[in-house]
Amino acid sequence: MSEQNTYAENDLKDVKQLGLWASILSLGYIFWLVGGMEIVERVAYYGVKASASLYATDAVSKGGLGLTMSDYGTIMFIFALTQTFVPIVLGGTADRVGYKETIAISTVIKIAAYLTMAMFPSFLGFTLGAMLLAFGTGIFKPGIQGTMVKSVKRETSTMAWGIFYQLVNIGGWLGPLIAVQLRQLSWNSLFYTCAAIISLNFILLLMYKEPGREERLAKKAKVKSGEVEQKALWRETIKEVKKPIVMGYMFAFSGFWFMFNAMFDVLPKHIEDWVNTSTIVTDLFGAGGTQNPFWIGLLGLNHEGTKVMPEYMMSVNFIMIATTCFIVAGMTAKFRILSSMLAGCILCVLAMTLAGFTPMAWAMLVAIAVFSLGEMLLSPKKGEFMGNIAPADKKAMYLGFVMLPQGIGWTLEGKLGPWLYDVYASKDLLARDYLQQLGMAADKVAAIKNGEAFDTLVAFTGKPAQVMTDTLYQANNIGMAWYIIATVGAISGVGIFLYAKWVYRLQKNISANEADGAKETTVQSL
């Protein structure tokens, strides 16, 4: 079988994109409805996800779980494995069962997840809650994204995916904003609130109408009558995954997703440990900070108004994307998809390097901003790319395949990212080492509960907390974890470059065959 015939079902042909306003005006109510569902889901999801490492490693005496980052890495390994591989295995189910049905089921599961976290504050309880949340998210995505693909015209797909990604990040911004204030009251307040928020999607589901439902039901009837033979879903999945264009995508992008997820799994803890965010508040409001509740809420400050909370530092990523993603989408609509994705990877590598280079708060904001621009160039394109090359009756299945490289990269990072942080940058572990250097007996150091070693060091030395933070930072190679993570991303960048060259050659060969009168193979912009 020729290379071109291998992709006869897949859609690889260039489709000219409409302009910015023409694209926006062409989007129907289904698009905006599923965008609303995504906002609701992301508010609840990131309300927990943005604070997860802080909750896990916070001392038990402060309401946390008292775990090490390596312990947290075990939870994230399970979480990432579940969330990323569920849509790969079950993504095609949404095409057959129905998008509305799978969205409803996922909402029930996610409510159960948040309630489990609230009711069982332990390593096992949080792990179980994380697994439920990951499973619910895994079956939520194919239904939402499958609806997107079927409700958006090809000539507006770049802008539609860019706007959709913008809506996702509105939810990503609001989630940490809520989390910052609620978790200062109690962690349970956060989990119960997230359960209430996700339940709002049941209201939106009442207005939802599945695009292509009649065709799906007609095909289902033909399958039931024996008129059409429907292959086993797992066989269809394996057949599609084995295609070189899917396998190449998986290997090229896995390293990027390792780096990408370290940003959200590990950086909040790094900021809490090493970045003095009070300098931002001082620069904005003066030495005393602010007691204005409006600014405390809007800027994600602690209740005293003296420092920016780690989750909100991270939410700069979501704010940037929520306010500018459609502009970036418009600017890159004429670019080849894979070229845009390669540029995004390079920017993210630079951001991770900067994050490890200095603990200055404003520099960290710059790193997050550069990372966000890279994300806008790459992440919205993954759904567009895979949705466009998918056969017409396998859209949700292929959108599940988007998670293949993310599944590999995130699962490895889920375990190794927090472990790297423990090795090079854990403030708790470094404080324990320093306490022994200062003469505290090893058995007394070992008896200190997780999350309380730095407070013990401050009390033992009698020096201010910021002085001891600076001392530990200067005495250790804190940035090494981020340099290693950035290196993984750089290697992935090389893989993306090679994959793009191969795909462009394939596209050129298919176009040449069509020009020679070969059987038309409908394909999309790569």
Protein backbone atom coordinates (compact mmCIF):
# COMPACT_ATOMS: atom_id res chain seq x y z
CA MET A 1 0.00 0.00 0.00
CA SER A 2 1.40 3.41 -0.95
CA GLU A 3 2.12 6.09 1.64
CA GLN A 4 -0.59 8.28 0.11
CA ASN A 5 -3.26 5.55 0.21
CA THR A 6 -2.45 4.98 3.89
CA TYR A 7 -4.00 8.40 4.60
CA ALA A 8 -6.93 8.15 2.18
CA GLU A 9 -9.39 8.38 5.08
CA ASN A 10 -7.57 11.20 6.77
CA ASP A 11 -8.13 14.85 6.00
CA LEU A 12 -4.81 16.53 5.20
CA LYS A 13 -5.72 19.12 2.57
CA ASP A 14 -5.18 22.87 2.98
CA VAL A 15 -8.40 24.80 3.57
CA LYS A 16 -8.27 28.59 3.30
CA GLN A 17 -9.26 30.24 6.56
CA LEU A 18 -11.72 33.13 6.83
CA GLY A 19 -10.69 36.40 8.43
CA LEU A 20 -11.01 37.27 12.12
CA TRP A 21 -14.50 38.80 12.22
CA ALA A 22 -15.95 36.58 9.53
CA SER A 23 -14.84 33.55 11.53
CA ILE A 24 -16.27 34.86 14.80
CA LEU A 25 -19.64 35.76 13.26
CA SER A 26 -19.95 32.29 11.71
CA LEU A 27 -19.83 30.48 15.08
CA GLY A 28 -23.20 29.09 16.13
CA TYR A 29 -24.88 28.76 19.50
CA ILE A 30 -23.63 25.17 19.99
CA PHE A 31 -20.07 26.45 19.89
CA TRP A 32 -20.76 29.04 22.58
CA LEU A 33 -22.74 26.56 24.66
CA VAL A 34 -19.94 24.00 24.83
CA GLY A 35 -17.58 26.91 25.47
CA GLY A 36 -19.69 27.75 28.51
CA MET A 37 -19.55 24.14 29.68
CA GLU A 38 -15.80 24.19 29.33
CA ILE A 39 -15.52 27.39 31.40
CA VAL A 40 -17.59 25.85 34.21
CA GLU A 41 -15.57 22.64 34.14
CA ARG A 42 -12.22 24.49 34.11
CA VAL A 43 -13.19 26.80 37.01
CA ALA A 44 -13.78 23.77 39.22
CA TYR A 45 -10.84 21.78 37.83
CA TYR A 46 -8.22 24.49 38.21
CA GLY A 47 -9.65 25.56 41.53
CA VAL A 48 -8.22 22.27 42.80
CA LYS A 49 -5.40 21.64 40.34
CA ALA A 50 -3.67 24.99 40.85
CA SER A 51 -3.49 24.36 44.60
CA ALA A 52 -2.94 20.60 44.60
CA SER A 53 0.81 20.60 45.31
CA LEU A 54 0.31 23.20 48.06
CA TYR A 55 -2.45 21.17 49.71
CA ALA A 56 -0.48 17.93 49.49
CA THR A 57 2.73 19.37 50.98
CA ASP A 58 1.19 21.74 53.52
CA ALA A 59 1.72 20.65 57.12
CA VAL A 60 -1.07 18.67 58.74
CA SER A 61 -1.17 21.31 61.45
CA LYS A 62 -2.10 23.83 58.75
CA GLY A 63 -4.81 21.67 57.20
CA GLY A 64 -2.71 20.00 54.50
CA LEU A 65 -1.75 16.37 53.98
CA GLY A 66 1.87 16.72 55.14
CA LEU A 67 3.33 14.87 52.13
CA THR A 68 6.67 15.28 50.39
CA MET A 69 6.79 16.36 46.75
CA SER A 70 7.80 12.80 45.87
CA ASP A 71 4.63 11.53 47.58
CA TYR A 72 2.67 14.10 45.64
CA GLY A 73 4.42 12.84 42.51
CA THR A 74 2.92 9.40 43.10
CA ILE A 75 -0.56 10.93 43.17
CA MET A 76 0.15 12.94 40.03
CA PHE A 77 1.51 9.86 38.26
CA ILE A 78 -1.80 8.08 38.85
CA PHE A 79 -3.78 11.23 38.03
CA ALA A 80 -1.95 11.86 34.76
CA LEU A 81 -2.07 8.21 33.71
CA THR A 82 -5.82 8.10 34.26
CA GLN A 83 -6.74 11.46 32.73
CA THR A 84 -4.67 11.08 29.59
CA PHE A 85 -5.26 7.44 28.69
CA VAL A 86 -8.99 7.30 29.42
CA PRO A 87 -9.86 9.45 26.37
CA ILE A 88 -7.43 7.43 24.25
CA VAL A 89 -9.20 4.19 25.16
CA LEU A 90 -12.75 5.52 25.51
CA GLY A 91 -12.70 8.56 23.22
CA GLY A 92 -14.42 6.63 20.44
CA THR A 93 -17.23 5.74 22.85
CA ALA A 94 -18.51 9.31 22.66
CA ASP A 95 -18.91 8.94 18.88
CA ARG A 96 -21.13 5.90 19.40
CA VAL A 97 -22.95 6.57 22.69
CA GLY A 98 -23.46 10.30 22.17
CA TYR A 99 -21.73 13.46 23.27
CA LYS A 100 -24.52 14.67 25.55
CA GLU A 101 -24.63 11.37 27.41
CA THR A 102 -20.89 11.22 28.03
CA ILE A 103 -20.76 14.86 29.19
CA ALA A 104 -23.54 14.16 31.72
CA ILE A 105 -21.81 11.03 33.05
CA SER A 106 -18.51 12.85 33.40
CA THR A 107 -20.17 15.63 35.41
CA VAL A 108 -21.55 13.13 37.93
CA ILE A 109 -18.12 11.53 38.32
CA LYS A 110 -16.40 14.87 38.83
CA ILE A 111 -18.88 15.90 41.54
CA ALA A 112 -18.04 12.64 43.33
CA ALA A 113 -14.34 13.44 42.98
CA TYR A 114 -14.52 16.82 44.73
CA LEU A 115 -16.72 15.41 47.50
CA THR A 116 -14.23 12.57 48.06
CA MET A 117 -11.39 15.06 48.47
CA ALA A 118 -13.41 17.04 50.99
CA MET A 119 -14.63 14.08 53.03
CA PHE A 120 -11.42 12.02 53.14
CA PRO A 121 -8.41 14.29 53.86
CA SER A 122 -5.67 11.68 53.59
CA PHE A 123 -3.17 10.36 51.05
CA LEU A 124 -5.57 7.57 50.07
CA GLY A 125 -8.61 9.86 49.99
CA PHE A 126 -6.91 12.50 47.90
CA THR A 127 -5.54 9.85 45.53
CA LEU A 128 -9.01 8.35 45.07
CA GLY A 129 -10.51 11.79 44.53
CA ALA A 130 -7.78 12.59 42.00
CA MET A 131 -8.47 9.35 40.12
CA LEU A 132 -12.18 10.13 39.94
CA LEU A 133 -11.46 13.68 38.79
CA ALA A 134 -9.05 12.41 36.15
CA PHE A 135 -11.51 9.78 34.91
CA GLY A 136 -14.35 12.27 34.72
CA THR A 137 -12.17 14.77 32.85
CA GLY A 138 -10.99 12.04 30.50
CA ILE A 139 -14.50 11.25 29.29
CA PHE A 140 -15.61 14.91 29.35
CA LYS A 141 -13.07 16.10 26.78
CA PRO A 142 -13.92 13.88 23.77
CA GLY A 143 -17.60 14.79 23.95
CA ILE A 144 -16.90 18.52 24.19
CA GLN A 145 -14.20 18.54 21.52
CA GLY A 146 -16.13 16.19 19.24
CA THR A 147 -19.00 18.67 19.38
CA MET A 148 -16.54 21.42 18.50
CA VAL A 149 -15.26 19.63 15.41
CA LYS A 150 -18.75 18.83 14.10
CA SER A 151 -20.23 22.28 14.77
CA VAL A 152 -17.41 24.39 13.27
CA LYS A 153 -16.78 24.90 9.57
CA ARG A 154 -13.37 23.98 8.21
CA GLU A 155 -12.67 27.48 6.95
CA THR A 156 -13.08 28.87 10.49
CA SER A 157 -11.38 26.06 12.42
CA THR A 158 -8.21 27.95 13.37
CA MET A 159 -10.13 30.88 14.84
CA ALA A 160 -12.72 28.60 16.47
CA TRP A 161 -10.10 26.54 18.28
CA GLY A 162 -8.26 29.70 19.31
CA ILE A 163 -11.42 31.24 20.80
CA PHE A 164 -12.36 27.96 22.45
CA TYR A 165 -8.93 27.80 24.05
CA GLN A 166 -9.48 31.37 25.20
CA LEU A 167 -12.73 30.33 26.90
CA VAL A 168 -10.93 27.41 28.54
CA ASN A 169 -8.47 29.83 30.06
CA ILE A 170 -11.16 32.16 31.36
CA GLY A 171 -12.14 29.19 33.50
CA GLY A 172 -8.47 28.58 34.28
CA TRP A 173 -8.14 32.16 35.52
CA LEU A 174 -11.30 32.14 37.65
CA GLY A 175 -10.49 28.77 39.27
CA PRO A 176 -7.27 29.86 41.03
CA LEU A 177 -8.86 33.21 41.88
CA ILE A 178 -11.55 31.36 43.83
CA ALA A 179 -9.07 28.85 45.26
CA VAL A 180 -6.78 31.54 46.68
CA GLN A 181 -9.51 32.94 48.90
CA LEU A 182 -11.34 29.74 49.83
CA ARG A 183 -8.32 27.66 50.79
CA GLN A 184 -7.22 30.39 53.23
CA LEU A 185 -10.51 29.66 55.03
CA SER A 186 -10.24 25.88 54.78
CA TRP A 187 -9.38 23.30 52.16
CA ASN A 188 -12.83 21.71 52.52
CA SER A 189 -14.43 25.01 51.52
CA LEU A 190 -12.57 24.81 48.22
CA PHE A 191 -13.52 21.21 47.45
CA TYR A 192 -17.21 21.63 48.28
CA THR A 193 -17.40 24.82 46.21
CA CYS A 194 -15.85 23.06 43.20
CA ALA A 195 -18.47 20.30 43.47
CA ALA A 196 -21.20 22.94 43.38
CA ILE A 197 -19.63 24.76 40.43
CA ILE A 198 -19.31 21.70 38.16
CA SER A 199 -22.95 20.80 38.81
CA LEU A 200 -23.94 23.96 36.87
CA ASN A 201 -23.20 22.07 33.66
CA PHE A 202 -26.44 20.14 34.09
CA ILE A 203 -28.28 23.41 33.41
CA LEU A 204 -26.33 23.97 30.19
CA LEU A 205 -26.95 20.38 29.11
CA LEU A 206 -30.68 21.12 29.04
CA MET A 207 -30.02 23.51 26.13
CA TYR A 208 -27.51 21.27 24.36
CA LYS A 209 -28.29 19.58 21.05
CA GLU A 210 -25.74 17.15 19.68
CA PRO A 211 -24.59 17.98 16.12
CA GLY A 212 -24.78 14.98 13.82
CA ARG A 213 -27.06 13.09 16.20
CA GLU A 214 -29.41 11.95 13.42
CA GLU A 215 -26.53 10.48 11.43
CA ARG A 216 -25.18 8.71 14.50
CA LEU A 217 -28.56 7.19 15.34
CA ALA A 218 -29.12 6.18 11.72
CA LYS A 219 -25.80 4.39 11.65
CA LYS A 220 -26.56 2.76 15.00
CA ALA A 221 -29.85 1.45 13.58
CA LYS A 222 -28.06 0.02 10.54
CA VAL A 223 -25.53 -1.67 12.78
CA LYS A 224 -28.32 -3.16 14.89
CA SER A 225 -30.14 -4.48 11.83
CA GLY A 226 -26.96 -5.99 10.41
CA GLU A 227 -26.96 -3.71 7.38
CA VAL A 228 -23.65 -2.18 8.47
CA GLU A 229 -20.90 -4.04 10.25
CA GLN A 230 -19.31 -2.09 13.10
CA LYS A 231 -15.88 -3.22 14.13
CA ALA A 232 -14.94 -3.55 17.78
CA LEU A 233 -13.97 -0.16 19.14
CA TRP A 234 -10.65 -1.39 20.47
CA ARG A 235 -9.74 -2.80 17.07
CA GLU A 236 -10.59 0.50 15.40
CA THR A 237 -8.56 2.39 17.99
CA ILE A 238 -5.48 0.20 17.53
CA LYS A 239 -5.78 0.44 13.74
CA GLU A 240 -5.79 4.23 13.85
CA VAL A 241 -3.08 4.54 16.50
CA LYS A 242 -0.75 2.38 14.42
CA LYS A 243 -0.82 4.87 11.55
CA PRO A 244 2.62 6.49 11.23
CA ILE A 245 1.16 9.99 11.32
CA VAL A 246 -0.33 9.28 14.77
CA MET A 247 2.72 7.43 16.08
CA GLY A 248 5.05 10.19 14.88
CA TYR A 249 2.91 12.82 16.58
CA MET A 250 3.03 10.84 19.82
CA PHE A 251 6.81 10.56 19.96
CA ALA A 252 7.55 14.09 18.73
CA PHE A 253 5.42 15.87 21.34
CA SER A 254 5.86 13.70 24.45
CA GLY A 255 8.85 15.68 25.73
CA PHE A 256 7.00 18.96 25.32
CA TRP A 257 4.17 17.73 27.51
CA PHE A 258 6.68 16.63 30.14
CA MET A 259 7.94 20.21 30.28
CA PHE A 260 4.47 21.77 29.97
CA ASN A 261 2.94 19.91 32.89
CA ALA A 262 5.92 20.60 35.15
CA MET A 263 4.88 24.24 34.89
CA PHE A 264 1.55 23.50 36.57
CA ASP A 265 2.50 20.57 38.82
CA VAL A 266 5.73 21.91 40.29
CA LEU A 267 6.06 25.67 39.72
CA PRO A 268 3.36 26.68 42.27
CA LYS A 269 5.38 24.92 44.98
CA HIS A 270 8.60 26.52 43.71
CA ILE A 271 6.98 29.96 43.92
CA GLU A 272 5.71 29.30 47.43
CA ASP A 273 9.15 28.14 48.58
CA TRP A 274 11.54 30.54 46.86
CA VAL A 275 9.85 33.54 45.22
CA ASN A 276 9.26 36.60 47.40
CA THR A 277 6.01 37.83 45.84
CA SER A 278 5.66 40.56 48.48
CA THR A 279 7.98 42.69 46.30
CA ILE A 280 5.21 42.89 43.70
CA VAL A 281 2.74 44.14 46.31
CA THR A 282 5.29 46.61 47.65
CA ASP A 283 5.99 47.97 44.17
CA LEU A 284 2.27 48.41 43.53
CA PHE A 285 0.98 49.65 46.89
CA GLY A 286 3.97 50.58 49.04
CA ALA A 287 5.60 48.91 52.03
CA GLY A 288 2.36 48.28 53.90
CA GLY A 289 0.66 46.44 51.05
CA THR A 290 -3.07 46.93 50.74
CA GLN A 291 -6.09 46.15 52.86
CA ASN A 292 -8.54 46.97 50.07
CA PRO A 293 -10.70 43.85 49.57
CA PHE A 294 -11.15 44.64 45.87
CA TRP A 295 -7.42 44.47 45.17
CA ILE A 296 -6.93 41.52 47.50
CA GLY A 297 -9.54 39.59 45.53
CA LEU A 298 -8.62 40.74 42.05
CA LEU A 299 -4.87 40.23 42.44
CA GLY A 300 -5.07 36.99 44.42
CA LEU A 301 -3.36 38.35 47.54
CA ASN A 302 -3.29 36.76 50.95
CA HIS A 303 -5.91 38.05 53.36
CA GLU A 304 -3.36 40.42 54.89
CA GLY A 305 -2.74 42.01 51.47
CA THR A 306 1.04 41.63 51.69
CA LYS A 307 1.92 39.01 49.04
CA VAL A 308 0.62 37.43 45.86
CA MET A 309 -0.41 33.81 46.36
CA PRO A 310 1.32 31.16 44.21
CA GLU A 311 -1.86 30.05 42.44
CA TYR A 312 -2.50 33.58 41.28
CA MET A 313 1.04 33.99 39.99
CA MET A 314 0.28 30.95 37.85
CA SER A 315 -3.04 32.42 36.75
CA VAL A 316 -1.13 35.08 34.79
CA ASN A 317 -0.89 32.28 32.24
CA PHE A 318 -4.66 31.97 32.07
CA ILE A 319 -5.23 35.74 32.08
CA MET A 320 -2.91 36.25 29.12
CA ILE A 321 -4.53 33.48 27.12
CA ALA A 322 -8.06 34.55 28.04
CA THR A 323 -7.42 38.11 26.85
CA THR A 324 -5.11 37.62 23.86
CA CYS A 325 -5.51 34.08 22.50
CA PHE A 326 -7.94 35.13 19.76
CA ILE A 327 -5.41 37.75 18.61
CA VAL A 328 -2.64 35.16 18.45
CA ALA A 329 -5.01 32.77 16.68
CA GLY A 330 -5.81 35.45 14.11
CA MET A 331 -2.13 36.25 13.58
CA THR A 332 -1.21 32.58 13.13
CA ALA A 333 -4.26 31.50 11.08
CA LYS A 334 -2.14 31.57 7.91
CA PHE A 335 0.78 29.72 9.48
CA ARG A 336 1.29 26.01 9.08
CA ILE A 337 0.05 24.29 12.19
CA LEU A 338 3.22 22.38 12.98
CA SER A 339 5.43 25.44 12.40
CA SER A 340 3.37 27.34 14.98
CA MET A 341 3.66 24.43 17.39
CA LEU A 342 7.45 24.29 17.03
CA ALA A 343 7.75 28.03 17.77
CA GLY A 344 5.58 27.55 20.86
CA CYS A 345 7.80 24.75 22.12
CA ILE A 346 10.91 26.91 21.79
CA LEU A 347 9.35 29.76 23.80
CA CYS A 348 8.31 27.36 26.57
CA VAL A 349 11.88 26.03 26.80
CA LEU A 350 13.15 29.58 27.27
CA ALA A 351 10.54 30.21 29.97
CA MET A 352 11.51 27.11 31.96
CA THR A 353 15.17 28.14 31.78
CA LEU A 354 14.34 31.61 33.14
CA ALA A 355 12.25 30.11 35.96
CA GLY A 356 15.33 28.27 37.18
CA PHE A 357 17.70 31.20 36.73
CA THR A 358 16.39 33.63 39.35
CA PRO A 359 13.87 33.78 42.23
CA MET A 360 12.94 37.42 41.48
CA ALA A 361 9.15 37.79 41.46
CA TRP A 362 8.93 40.04 38.41
CA ALA A 363 11.29 37.77 36.47
CA MET A 364 9.01 34.85 37.34
CA LEU A 365 6.08 36.76 35.89
CA VAL A 366 8.08 37.31 32.70
CA ALA A 367 8.84 33.59 32.54
CA ILE A 368 5.15 32.77 32.95
CA ALA A 369 4.25 35.32 30.26
CA VAL A 370 6.77 33.88 27.77
CA PHE A 371 5.50 30.39 28.56
CA SER A 372 1.93 31.57 27.96
CA LEU A 373 2.80 32.93 24.52
CA GLY A 374 4.44 29.62 23.66
CA GLU A 375 1.38 27.78 24.89
CA MET A 376 -0.90 29.92 22.72
CA LEU A 377 1.18 29.06 19.67
CA LEU A 378 1.12 25.33 20.38
CA SER A 379 -1.65 24.04 22.60
CA PRO A 380 -4.79 25.21 20.71
CA LYS A 381 -3.29 23.74 17.55
CA LYS A 382 -3.17 20.18 18.87
CA GLY A 383 -6.97 19.76 18.75
CA GLU A 384 -7.18 21.49 15.39
CA PHE A 385 -4.43 19.30 13.94
CA MET A 386 -5.81 15.98 15.14
CA GLY A 387 -9.45 16.89 14.49
CA ASN A 388 -8.60 17.88 10.94
CA ILE A 389 -6.71 14.74 9.99
CA ALA A 390 -9.36 12.47 11.53
CA PRO A 391 -11.77 10.44 9.36
CA ALA A 392 -15.29 11.89 9.44
CA ASP A 393 -16.74 9.19 11.71
CA LYS A 394 -13.79 9.11 14.13
CA LYS A 395 -13.47 12.71 15.25
CA ALA A 396 -13.80 12.08 18.99
CA MET A 397 -11.49 9.08 18.72
CA TYR A 398 -8.76 11.18 17.13
CA LEU A 399 -9.27 13.97 19.62
CA GLY A 400 -8.65 11.31 22.24
CA PHE A 401 -5.37 10.60 20.46
CA VAL A 402 -4.34 14.18 21.24
CA MET A 403 -3.73 12.80 24.71
CA LEU A 404 -1.19 10.19 23.52
CA PRO A 405 1.92 12.39 23.80
CA GLN A 406 0.40 14.23 26.76
CA GLY A 407 -0.26 10.87 28.40
CA ILE A 408 3.36 9.79 28.01
CA GLY A 409 4.89 13.16 28.88
CA TRP A 410 2.58 14.04 31.75
CA THR A 411 2.63 10.58 33.31
CA LEU A 412 6.43 10.59 33.39
CA GLU A 413 6.51 14.17 34.63
CA GLY A 414 3.85 13.46 37.23
CA LYS A 415 6.32 11.18 38.97
CA LEU A 416 9.69 12.63 37.93
CA GLY A 417 8.91 16.37 38.08
CA PRO A 418 8.09 16.47 41.81
CA TRP A 419 10.94 14.00 42.45
CA LEU A 420 13.41 16.32 40.69
CA TYR A 421 12.10 19.15 42.84
CA ASP A 422 12.69 17.10 45.98
CA VAL A 423 16.25 16.30 44.85
CA TYR A 424 17.29 19.86 44.01
CA ALA A 425 14.85 22.37 45.45
CA SER A 426 12.65 21.08 48.29
CA LYS A 427 12.73 23.79 50.92
CA ASP A 428 11.64 21.34 53.59
CA LEU A 429 14.44 18.86 52.81
CA LEU A 430 17.10 21.55 52.43
CA ALA A 431 16.04 23.06 55.77
CA ARG A 432 16.50 19.65 57.41
CA ASP A 433 20.02 19.36 55.99
CA TYR A 434 20.87 22.85 57.22
CA LEU A 435 19.51 22.15 60.68
CA GLN A 436 21.92 19.22 60.96
CA GLN A 437 24.79 21.41 59.73
CA LEU A 438 23.91 23.88 62.48
CA GLY A 439 24.18 21.13 65.08
CA MET A 440 20.64 19.82 65.60
CA ALA A 441 20.68 16.08 66.32
CA ALA A 442 19.69 13.86 63.40
CA ASP A 443 16.93 12.12 65.38
CA LYS A 444 15.37 15.47 66.27
CA VAL A 445 15.48 16.56 62.64
CA ALA A 446 13.86 13.29 61.57
CA ALA A 447 11.10 13.81 64.12
CA ILE A 448 10.04 17.09 62.50
CA LYS A 449 6.77 16.62 60.62
CA ASN A 450 6.69 17.14 56.88
CA GLY A 451 6.08 20.77 55.95
CA GLU A 452 7.38 22.13 59.28
CA ALA A 453 11.17 21.93 58.83
CA PHE A 454 11.63 25.47 57.53
CA ASP A 455 9.57 26.98 60.36
CA THR A 456 11.73 24.98 62.75
CA LEU A 457 14.89 26.36 61.08
CA VAL A 458 13.63 29.93 61.44
CA ALA A 459 12.88 29.35 65.13
CA PHE A 460 16.22 27.56 65.65
CA THR A 461 18.30 30.37 64.12
CA GLY A 462 16.18 33.29 65.26
CA LYS A 463 16.59 34.91 61.85
CA PRO A 464 13.78 36.27 59.63
CA ALA A 465 12.14 33.79 57.24
CA GLN A 466 13.22 35.72 54.13
CA VAL A 467 16.84 35.79 55.29
CA MET A 468 16.84 32.02 55.74
CA THR A 469 15.11 31.55 52.38
CA ASP A 470 17.85 33.58 50.68
CA THR A 471 20.52 31.64 52.56
CA LEU A 472 19.18 28.27 51.41
CA TYR A 473 18.70 29.47 47.83
CA GLN A 474 22.25 30.78 47.52
CA ALA A 475 23.75 27.66 49.09
CA ASN A 476 22.03 25.21 46.73
CA ASN A 477 21.55 24.74 43.00
CA ILE A 478 17.80 25.29 43.08
CA GLY A 479 17.48 25.94 39.34
CA MET A 480 18.93 22.59 38.26
CA ALA A 481 15.51 20.90 38.30
CA TRP A 482 14.21 23.50 35.82
CA TYR A 483 17.27 23.21 33.58
CA ILE A 484 16.71 19.46 33.32
CA ILE A 485 13.03 19.99 32.54
CA ALA A 486 13.90 22.59 29.88
CA THR A 487 16.38 20.16 28.30
CA VAL A 488 13.64 17.57 27.90
CA GLY A 489 11.54 20.21 26.14
CA ALA A 490 14.43 21.15 23.86
CA ILE A 491 14.90 17.54 22.77
CA SER A 492 11.18 17.42 21.98
CA GLY A 493 11.60 20.57 19.88
CA VAL A 494 14.06 18.71 17.67
CA GLY A 495 11.52 15.89 17.32
CA ILE A 496 8.74 18.33 16.36
CA PHE A 497 11.01 19.85 13.69
CA LEU A 498 11.73 16.45 12.13
CA TYR A 499 8.06 15.39 12.31
CA ALA A 500 6.96 18.63 10.64
CA LYS A 501 9.41 18.12 7.77
CA TRP A 502 8.03 14.61 7.19
CA VAL A 503 4.38 15.74 7.30
CA TYR A 504 5.03 18.62 4.90
CA ARG A 505 6.70 16.20 2.48
CA LEU A 506 3.70 13.87 2.76
CA GLN A 507 1.32 16.75 2.09
CA LYS A 508 3.35 17.79 -0.96
CA ASN A 509 3.31 14.26 -2.36
CA ILE A 510 -0.46 13.93 -1.90
CA SER A 511 -1.04 17.28 -3.65
CA ALA A 512 1.18 16.18 -6.52
CA ASN A 513 -0.80 12.95 -6.93
CA GLU A 514 -4.06 14.88 -7.00
CA ALA A 515 -2.66 17.21 -9.64
CA ASP A 516 -1.82 14.12 -11.72
CA GLY A 517 -5.44 12.94 -11.52
CA ALA A 518 -5.03 10.49 -8.66
CA LYS A 519 -8.00 9.68 -6.45
CA GLU A 520 -8.81 12.75 -4.33
CA THR A 521 -7.78 12.50 -0.73
CA THR A 522 -9.37 15.16 1.41
CA VAL A 523 -6.90 16.50 3.92
CA GLN A 524 -6.29 19.63 6.02
CA SER A 525 -3.72 22.25 6.80
CA LEU A 526 -0.76 20.82 8.64
